[in-house]
N, C-alpha and C. Protein backbone atom coordinates (compact mmCIF):
# COMPACT_ATOMS: atom_id res chain seq x y z
N MET A 1 80.31 -9.15 72.79
CA MET A 1 79.15 -9.62 73.46
C MET A 1 79.41 -10.99 74.04
N GLU A 2 79.81 -10.93 75.20
CA GLU A 2 80.12 -12.17 75.87
C GLU A 2 79.05 -12.42 76.92
N ARG A 3 78.64 -13.66 76.93
CA ARG A 3 77.60 -14.01 77.88
C ARG A 3 77.90 -15.39 78.39
N GLY A 4 78.20 -15.49 79.57
CA GLY A 4 78.51 -16.77 80.16
C GLY A 4 79.74 -17.40 79.55
N GLY A 5 80.63 -16.66 79.05
CA GLY A 5 81.85 -17.19 78.51
C GLY A 5 81.76 -17.57 77.04
N PHE A 6 80.61 -17.48 76.46
CA PHE A 6 80.47 -17.82 75.04
C PHE A 6 80.23 -16.56 74.24
N LEU A 7 80.72 -16.61 73.06
CA LEU A 7 80.47 -15.49 72.16
C LEU A 7 79.18 -15.79 71.39
N ARG A 8 78.36 -14.85 71.39
CA ARG A 8 77.11 -15.01 70.65
C ARG A 8 77.11 -14.06 69.48
N ARG A 9 76.85 -14.61 68.35
CA ARG A 9 76.90 -13.80 67.15
C ARG A 9 75.51 -13.25 66.88
N GLN A 10 75.45 -11.99 66.56
CA GLN A 10 74.18 -11.34 66.19
C GLN A 10 73.79 -11.80 64.79
N ARG A 11 72.55 -12.18 64.64
CA ARG A 11 72.08 -12.58 63.31
C ARG A 11 71.61 -11.33 62.59
N SER A 12 71.86 -11.34 61.32
CA SER A 12 71.52 -10.16 60.53
C SER A 12 70.03 -10.16 60.23
N ALA A 13 69.50 -9.02 59.89
CA ALA A 13 68.09 -8.86 59.57
C ALA A 13 67.66 -9.71 58.38
N PRO A 14 68.43 -9.79 57.27
CA PRO A 14 67.99 -10.63 56.15
C PRO A 14 67.86 -12.09 56.55
N PHE A 15 68.69 -12.59 57.45
CA PHE A 15 68.59 -13.97 57.89
C PHE A 15 67.29 -14.20 58.65
N ARG A 16 66.92 -13.27 59.51
CA ARG A 16 65.66 -13.39 60.27
C ARG A 16 64.46 -13.35 59.34
N VAL A 17 64.50 -12.53 58.30
CA VAL A 17 63.40 -12.44 57.34
C VAL A 17 63.28 -13.76 56.58
N ARG A 18 64.42 -14.31 56.13
CA ARG A 18 64.39 -15.58 55.41
C ARG A 18 63.84 -16.69 56.30
N ARG A 19 64.23 -16.69 57.55
CA ARG A 19 63.76 -17.72 58.46
C ARG A 19 62.25 -17.58 58.71
N ALA A 20 61.74 -16.39 58.83
CA ALA A 20 60.31 -16.15 59.03
C ALA A 20 59.53 -16.57 57.77
N LEU A 21 60.06 -16.24 56.60
CA LEU A 21 59.40 -16.64 55.36
C LEU A 21 59.43 -18.15 55.20
N SER A 22 60.50 -18.78 55.64
CA SER A 22 60.59 -20.23 55.57
C SER A 22 59.52 -20.87 56.44
N ARG A 23 59.27 -20.30 57.61
CA ARG A 23 58.21 -20.82 58.48
C ARG A 23 56.84 -20.66 57.84
N CYS A 24 56.58 -19.52 57.21
CA CYS A 24 55.29 -19.30 56.52
C CYS A 24 55.12 -20.29 55.39
N GLY A 25 56.18 -20.53 54.65
CA GLY A 25 56.12 -21.49 53.55
C GLY A 25 55.84 -22.88 54.07
N GLN A 26 56.41 -23.24 55.19
CA GLN A 26 56.18 -24.56 55.77
C GLN A 26 54.73 -24.69 56.21
N VAL A 27 54.19 -23.66 56.82
CA VAL A 27 52.80 -23.68 57.27
C VAL A 27 51.87 -23.80 56.06
N SER A 28 52.20 -23.08 55.00
CA SER A 28 51.37 -23.15 53.79
C SER A 28 51.39 -24.54 53.18
N MET A 29 52.55 -25.15 53.12
CA MET A 29 52.64 -26.50 52.57
C MET A 29 51.90 -27.51 53.44
N GLU A 30 52.00 -27.38 54.75
CA GLU A 30 51.26 -28.27 55.64
C GLU A 30 49.77 -28.10 55.46
N TYR A 31 49.33 -26.86 55.30
CA TYR A 31 47.92 -26.58 55.07
C TYR A 31 47.46 -27.23 53.76
N LEU A 32 48.24 -27.11 52.72
CA LEU A 32 47.90 -27.73 51.44
C LEU A 32 47.83 -29.25 51.56
N PHE A 33 48.76 -29.85 52.27
CA PHE A 33 48.72 -31.30 52.45
C PHE A 33 47.49 -31.74 53.23
N VAL A 34 47.14 -31.03 54.29
CA VAL A 34 45.97 -31.38 55.09
C VAL A 34 44.69 -31.22 54.26
N MET A 35 44.57 -30.13 53.52
CA MET A 35 43.38 -29.90 52.70
C MET A 35 43.29 -30.94 51.57
N GLY A 36 44.40 -31.28 50.97
CA GLY A 36 44.42 -32.30 49.93
C GLY A 36 43.99 -33.65 50.46
N PHE A 37 44.47 -34.00 51.64
CA PHE A 37 44.09 -35.26 52.27
C PHE A 37 42.60 -35.27 52.60
N ALA A 38 42.09 -34.15 53.11
CA ALA A 38 40.66 -34.06 53.43
C ALA A 38 39.82 -34.20 52.15
N LEU A 39 40.25 -33.57 51.08
CA LEU A 39 39.53 -33.67 49.81
C LEU A 39 39.59 -35.10 49.28
N LEU A 40 40.72 -35.74 49.44
CA LEU A 40 40.87 -37.12 49.00
C LEU A 40 39.91 -38.04 49.75
N LEU A 41 39.70 -37.78 51.04
CA LEU A 41 38.75 -38.57 51.82
C LEU A 41 37.31 -38.22 51.47
N ALA A 42 37.02 -36.97 51.14
CA ALA A 42 35.65 -36.54 50.86
C ALA A 42 35.20 -36.90 49.45
N LEU A 43 36.10 -37.06 48.52
CA LEU A 43 35.73 -37.32 47.13
C LEU A 43 34.88 -38.58 46.97
N PRO A 44 35.22 -39.72 47.56
CA PRO A 44 34.33 -40.89 47.41
C PRO A 44 32.94 -40.65 48.01
N LEU A 45 32.86 -39.89 49.07
CA LEU A 45 31.55 -39.58 49.66
C LEU A 45 30.71 -38.73 48.72
N ILE A 46 31.34 -37.80 48.05
CA ILE A 46 30.63 -36.95 47.09
C ILE A 46 30.12 -37.78 45.92
N VAL A 47 30.95 -38.65 45.40
CA VAL A 47 30.53 -39.52 44.29
C VAL A 47 29.38 -40.43 44.74
N LEU A 48 29.48 -40.99 45.92
CA LEU A 48 28.43 -41.85 46.45
C LEU A 48 27.12 -41.08 46.61
N TYR A 49 27.21 -39.85 47.08
CA TYR A 49 26.02 -39.01 47.25
C TYR A 49 25.31 -38.81 45.92
N PHE A 50 26.03 -38.43 44.88
CA PHE A 50 25.40 -38.17 43.60
C PHE A 50 24.85 -39.45 42.96
N THR A 51 25.52 -40.56 43.14
CA THR A 51 25.04 -41.84 42.62
C THR A 51 23.74 -42.24 43.30
N GLN A 52 23.71 -42.15 44.62
CA GLN A 52 22.51 -42.53 45.37
C GLN A 52 21.35 -41.58 45.06
N THR A 53 21.65 -40.30 44.89
CA THR A 53 20.61 -39.33 44.58
C THR A 53 19.97 -39.65 43.23
N ALA A 54 20.77 -39.99 42.23
CA ALA A 54 20.24 -40.33 40.91
C ALA A 54 19.38 -41.59 40.98
N GLN A 55 19.83 -42.59 41.73
CA GLN A 55 19.04 -43.82 41.86
C GLN A 55 17.72 -43.56 42.58
N LEU A 56 17.75 -42.74 43.60
CA LEU A 56 16.53 -42.43 44.34
C LEU A 56 15.56 -41.66 43.46
N ARG A 57 16.06 -40.71 42.67
CA ARG A 57 15.21 -39.94 41.76
C ARG A 57 14.55 -40.88 40.74
N ASP A 58 15.30 -41.85 40.22
CA ASP A 58 14.74 -42.82 39.28
C ASP A 58 13.66 -43.68 39.93
N GLN A 59 13.88 -44.09 41.17
CA GLN A 59 12.89 -44.91 41.88
C GLN A 59 11.61 -44.14 42.15
N VAL A 60 11.74 -42.87 42.51
CA VAL A 60 10.56 -42.05 42.77
C VAL A 60 9.78 -41.83 41.47
N ALA A 61 10.48 -41.57 40.38
CA ALA A 61 9.81 -41.39 39.08
C ALA A 61 9.10 -42.67 38.66
N SER A 62 9.74 -43.82 38.84
CA SER A 62 9.15 -45.10 38.48
C SER A 62 7.88 -45.37 39.30
N ALA A 63 7.93 -45.09 40.57
CA ALA A 63 6.75 -45.30 41.43
C ALA A 63 5.61 -44.36 41.03
N SER A 64 5.95 -43.13 40.69
CA SER A 64 4.93 -42.16 40.27
C SER A 64 4.28 -42.59 38.95
N ILE A 65 5.09 -43.09 38.03
CA ILE A 65 4.55 -43.55 36.74
C ILE A 65 3.70 -44.80 36.93
N GLU A 66 4.13 -45.69 37.79
CA GLU A 66 3.34 -46.90 38.07
C GLU A 66 1.98 -46.53 38.66
N ARG A 67 1.97 -45.55 39.55
CA ARG A 67 0.71 -45.10 40.15
C ARG A 67 -0.20 -44.48 39.09
N ALA A 68 0.38 -43.67 38.17
CA ALA A 68 -0.42 -43.06 37.10
C ALA A 68 -0.99 -44.13 36.18
N ALA A 69 -0.18 -45.12 35.82
CA ALA A 69 -0.65 -46.20 34.96
C ALA A 69 -1.77 -46.99 35.63
N THR A 70 -1.62 -47.24 36.92
CA THR A 70 -2.65 -47.98 37.66
C THR A 70 -3.95 -47.18 37.71
N GLN A 71 -3.86 -45.87 37.91
CA GLN A 71 -5.07 -45.04 37.94
C GLN A 71 -5.78 -45.06 36.58
N ILE A 72 -5.01 -44.97 35.49
CA ILE A 72 -5.61 -44.97 34.16
C ILE A 72 -6.25 -46.32 33.87
N VAL A 73 -5.55 -47.39 34.18
CA VAL A 73 -6.07 -48.74 33.92
C VAL A 73 -7.32 -49.01 34.77
N ASP A 74 -7.29 -48.64 36.03
CA ASP A 74 -8.47 -48.86 36.89
C ASP A 74 -9.69 -48.09 36.37
N ALA A 75 -9.49 -46.84 35.98
CA ALA A 75 -10.60 -46.04 35.45
C ALA A 75 -11.10 -46.61 34.13
N ALA A 76 -10.17 -47.05 33.26
CA ALA A 76 -10.56 -47.62 31.97
C ALA A 76 -11.34 -48.91 32.17
N ASP A 77 -10.89 -49.75 33.08
CA ASP A 77 -11.61 -51.00 33.34
C ASP A 77 -13.00 -50.73 33.90
N THR A 78 -13.11 -49.75 34.78
CA THR A 78 -14.41 -49.43 35.39
C THR A 78 -15.41 -48.98 34.32
N VAL A 79 -15.00 -48.00 33.47
CA VAL A 79 -15.96 -47.51 32.47
C VAL A 79 -16.20 -48.56 31.38
N TYR A 80 -15.25 -49.42 31.13
CA TYR A 80 -15.43 -50.50 30.14
C TYR A 80 -16.50 -51.46 30.61
N TYR A 81 -16.43 -51.86 31.88
CA TYR A 81 -17.42 -52.80 32.40
C TYR A 81 -18.79 -52.16 32.56
N LEU A 82 -18.85 -50.84 32.80
CA LEU A 82 -20.13 -50.15 32.90
C LEU A 82 -20.73 -49.90 31.53
N GLY A 83 -19.89 -49.80 30.50
CA GLY A 83 -20.36 -49.60 29.12
C GLY A 83 -20.61 -48.14 28.80
N ALA A 84 -20.89 -47.90 27.52
CA ALA A 84 -21.16 -46.53 27.05
C ALA A 84 -22.49 -46.08 27.62
N PRO A 85 -22.65 -44.88 27.92
CA PRO A 85 -21.83 -43.68 27.79
C PRO A 85 -21.12 -43.30 29.10
N SER A 86 -20.72 -44.27 29.89
CA SER A 86 -20.09 -43.95 31.18
C SER A 86 -18.72 -43.31 30.98
N SER A 87 -18.39 -42.44 31.92
CA SER A 87 -17.08 -41.77 31.88
C SER A 87 -16.63 -41.49 33.31
N ARG A 88 -15.39 -41.24 33.44
CA ARG A 88 -14.81 -40.97 34.76
C ARG A 88 -13.68 -39.97 34.59
N THR A 89 -13.57 -39.03 35.50
CA THR A 89 -12.51 -38.03 35.47
C THR A 89 -11.50 -38.36 36.57
N ILE A 90 -10.23 -38.44 36.19
CA ILE A 90 -9.18 -38.74 37.16
C ILE A 90 -8.07 -37.69 37.02
N THR A 91 -7.27 -37.59 38.06
CA THR A 91 -6.10 -36.71 38.03
C THR A 91 -4.87 -37.56 38.27
N VAL A 92 -3.95 -37.51 37.30
CA VAL A 92 -2.69 -38.24 37.44
C VAL A 92 -1.55 -37.22 37.49
N ASP A 93 -0.54 -37.55 38.26
CA ASP A 93 0.62 -36.67 38.41
C ASP A 93 1.81 -37.33 37.73
N LEU A 94 2.34 -36.66 36.70
CA LEU A 94 3.46 -37.21 35.95
C LEU A 94 4.77 -36.54 36.36
N PRO A 95 5.83 -37.32 36.48
CA PRO A 95 7.14 -36.74 36.80
C PRO A 95 7.76 -36.11 35.54
N ALA A 96 8.88 -35.44 35.73
CA ALA A 96 9.54 -34.73 34.63
C ALA A 96 10.20 -35.67 33.64
N ASP A 97 10.45 -36.91 34.02
CA ASP A 97 11.23 -37.81 33.19
C ASP A 97 10.42 -38.52 32.09
N VAL A 98 9.12 -38.30 32.02
CA VAL A 98 8.28 -38.96 31.01
C VAL A 98 8.50 -38.30 29.65
N GLU A 99 8.86 -39.11 28.66
CA GLU A 99 9.08 -38.58 27.32
C GLU A 99 7.86 -38.73 26.42
N SER A 100 7.12 -39.85 26.57
CA SER A 100 5.92 -40.04 25.76
C SER A 100 4.98 -41.03 26.44
N VAL A 101 3.72 -40.97 26.01
CA VAL A 101 2.70 -41.90 26.48
C VAL A 101 2.01 -42.47 25.26
N SER A 102 1.81 -43.78 25.26
CA SER A 102 1.16 -44.45 24.13
C SER A 102 0.02 -45.30 24.66
N LEU A 103 -1.17 -45.12 24.06
CA LEU A 103 -2.33 -45.93 24.39
C LEU A 103 -2.63 -46.79 23.16
N ARG A 104 -2.21 -48.04 23.20
CA ARG A 104 -2.39 -48.96 22.07
C ARG A 104 -2.95 -50.28 22.56
N GLY A 105 -4.02 -50.70 21.93
CA GLY A 105 -4.61 -51.97 22.32
C GLY A 105 -5.04 -51.93 23.77
N THR A 106 -4.57 -52.89 24.54
CA THR A 106 -4.94 -52.96 25.96
C THR A 106 -3.85 -52.42 26.87
N SER A 107 -2.87 -51.73 26.32
CA SER A 107 -1.77 -51.25 27.16
C SER A 107 -1.65 -49.73 27.13
N VAL A 108 -1.21 -49.22 28.26
CA VAL A 108 -0.78 -47.83 28.36
C VAL A 108 0.72 -47.90 28.64
N THR A 109 1.51 -47.27 27.75
CA THR A 109 2.97 -47.38 27.81
C THR A 109 3.58 -46.01 28.01
N PHE A 110 4.37 -45.88 29.06
CA PHE A 110 5.12 -44.65 29.34
C PHE A 110 6.57 -44.87 28.95
N THR A 111 7.12 -43.99 28.13
CA THR A 111 8.54 -44.01 27.82
C THR A 111 9.21 -43.01 28.76
N VAL A 112 10.20 -43.50 29.52
CA VAL A 112 10.79 -42.71 30.59
C VAL A 112 12.31 -42.63 30.39
N SER A 113 12.87 -41.47 30.65
CA SER A 113 14.33 -41.34 30.63
C SER A 113 14.83 -41.37 32.07
N SER A 114 15.92 -42.11 32.28
CA SER A 114 16.49 -42.21 33.62
C SER A 114 17.99 -42.05 33.53
N SER A 115 18.65 -42.16 34.65
CA SER A 115 20.11 -42.02 34.68
C SER A 115 20.80 -43.19 33.99
N HIS A 116 20.07 -44.30 33.77
CA HIS A 116 20.63 -45.48 33.11
C HIS A 116 20.14 -45.62 31.67
N GLY A 117 19.45 -44.62 31.15
CA GLY A 117 18.92 -44.68 29.79
C GLY A 117 17.40 -44.72 29.78
N ASP A 118 16.84 -44.81 28.59
CA ASP A 118 15.39 -44.83 28.44
C ASP A 118 14.84 -46.24 28.68
N TYR A 119 13.63 -46.28 29.21
CA TYR A 119 12.94 -47.56 29.39
C TYR A 119 11.44 -47.32 29.27
N GLU A 120 10.68 -48.40 29.10
CA GLU A 120 9.23 -48.33 29.00
C GLU A 120 8.60 -48.98 30.21
N GLN A 121 7.53 -48.34 30.67
CA GLN A 121 6.78 -48.89 31.80
C GLN A 121 5.33 -49.04 31.34
N ASN A 122 4.76 -50.22 31.50
CA ASN A 122 3.44 -50.54 30.96
C ASN A 122 2.41 -50.75 32.04
N GLY A 123 1.16 -50.52 31.65
CA GLY A 123 0.00 -50.90 32.43
C GLY A 123 -0.96 -51.60 31.50
N TRP A 124 -1.62 -52.67 31.96
CA TRP A 124 -2.47 -53.48 31.09
C TRP A 124 -3.92 -53.39 31.54
N SER A 125 -4.81 -53.17 30.57
CA SER A 125 -6.23 -53.02 30.85
C SER A 125 -7.01 -54.15 30.20
N ALA A 126 -8.23 -54.36 30.65
CA ALA A 126 -9.13 -55.33 30.02
C ALA A 126 -9.76 -54.74 28.75
N ALA A 127 -9.74 -53.42 28.66
CA ALA A 127 -10.37 -52.72 27.53
C ALA A 127 -9.32 -52.33 26.49
N ASN A 128 -9.80 -52.15 25.25
CA ASN A 128 -8.95 -51.56 24.22
C ASN A 128 -8.94 -50.05 24.44
N LEU A 129 -7.73 -49.47 24.48
CA LEU A 129 -7.58 -48.06 24.81
C LEU A 129 -7.22 -47.24 23.59
N THR A 130 -7.71 -46.02 23.56
CA THR A 130 -7.37 -45.07 22.52
C THR A 130 -7.31 -43.68 23.16
N GLY A 131 -6.70 -42.72 22.46
CA GLY A 131 -6.62 -41.36 22.95
C GLY A 131 -5.20 -40.92 23.19
N SER A 132 -5.06 -39.74 23.75
CA SER A 132 -3.73 -39.21 24.06
C SER A 132 -3.86 -38.09 25.08
N PHE A 133 -2.74 -37.77 25.70
CA PHE A 133 -2.68 -36.64 26.63
C PHE A 133 -1.23 -36.19 26.74
N GLY A 134 -1.03 -34.99 27.27
CA GLY A 134 0.30 -34.39 27.35
C GLY A 134 1.18 -35.09 28.37
N VAL A 135 2.49 -34.89 28.21
CA VAL A 135 3.45 -35.54 29.10
C VAL A 135 4.26 -34.53 29.90
N THR A 136 3.77 -33.31 30.01
CA THR A 136 4.49 -32.32 30.80
C THR A 136 4.44 -32.70 32.27
N GLU A 137 5.41 -32.22 33.02
CA GLU A 137 5.48 -32.54 34.44
C GLU A 137 4.30 -31.91 35.18
N GLY A 138 3.76 -32.65 36.13
CA GLY A 138 2.71 -32.12 36.97
C GLY A 138 1.40 -32.86 36.82
N PRO A 139 0.35 -32.32 37.45
CA PRO A 139 -0.95 -33.00 37.43
C PRO A 139 -1.66 -32.81 36.08
N HIS A 140 -2.33 -33.87 35.65
CA HIS A 140 -3.14 -33.86 34.43
C HIS A 140 -4.53 -34.39 34.77
N THR A 141 -5.56 -33.66 34.34
CA THR A 141 -6.92 -34.13 34.52
C THR A 141 -7.33 -34.87 33.27
N LEU A 142 -7.63 -36.16 33.42
CA LEU A 142 -7.96 -37.02 32.28
C LEU A 142 -9.42 -37.44 32.35
N VAL A 143 -10.07 -37.46 31.18
CA VAL A 143 -11.43 -37.96 31.07
C VAL A 143 -11.34 -39.33 30.41
N VAL A 144 -11.80 -40.34 31.13
CA VAL A 144 -11.79 -41.72 30.64
C VAL A 144 -13.24 -42.08 30.34
N ALA A 145 -13.54 -42.32 29.04
CA ALA A 145 -14.93 -42.53 28.63
C ALA A 145 -15.05 -43.80 27.80
N ALA A 146 -16.12 -44.55 28.06
CA ALA A 146 -16.41 -45.75 27.28
C ALA A 146 -17.09 -45.33 25.98
N LEU A 147 -16.65 -45.90 24.87
CA LEU A 147 -17.22 -45.60 23.56
C LEU A 147 -18.22 -46.71 23.19
N PRO A 148 -19.18 -46.40 22.30
CA PRO A 148 -20.20 -47.40 21.93
C PRO A 148 -19.62 -48.65 21.27
N ASP A 149 -18.46 -48.55 20.65
CA ASP A 149 -17.90 -49.71 19.94
C ASP A 149 -17.05 -50.61 20.85
N GLY A 150 -17.05 -50.34 22.17
CA GLY A 150 -16.32 -51.19 23.11
C GLY A 150 -14.93 -50.68 23.48
N TRP A 151 -14.47 -49.64 22.84
CA TRP A 151 -13.18 -49.04 23.16
C TRP A 151 -13.34 -48.05 24.31
N VAL A 152 -12.22 -47.70 24.93
CA VAL A 152 -12.21 -46.69 25.99
C VAL A 152 -11.30 -45.56 25.54
N ASN A 153 -11.81 -44.34 25.58
CA ASN A 153 -11.06 -43.17 25.13
C ASN A 153 -10.50 -42.44 26.36
N VAL A 154 -9.20 -42.12 26.33
CA VAL A 154 -8.54 -41.40 27.41
C VAL A 154 -7.99 -40.11 26.83
N THR A 155 -8.56 -38.98 27.28
CA THR A 155 -8.12 -37.68 26.78
C THR A 155 -7.95 -36.72 27.93
N GLU A 156 -7.17 -35.68 27.67
CA GLU A 156 -6.98 -34.65 28.70
C GLU A 156 -8.16 -33.69 28.61
N GLY A 157 -8.72 -33.37 29.74
CA GLY A 157 -9.89 -32.49 29.67
C GLY A 157 -10.08 -31.84 30.95
């Protein structure tokens, strides 16, 4: 097989197969490198996303609890100043992160779990508060009533 004065050697079939497989292997390795690099770039964004999401969820829960505390304190102060037997019905919406509610003295205290641990959020009233209500997530209808002895009772009703 002479062509233009040069001898050209025929390559065997196994050589062509090895060369084709070598090209596939190279493409696979390049693909792995590109995907690894893309994942390396995306990983900090994923971590940032989850961190920001947790902080935002905590801020929304805190604002919701503050609003609930303000509603309870405002209703308690109103019925306290009006005196017995006045009462008021309010609806407060509690987030899922509330672990407990305590009505002691002049404070309403919510114990809340967050991504940074547990904390307490307080609301302060002019009246002495007593009573209890559930801490399940969602709306709660509360009856805030002035008692004859000067205390204000807060119960779910």
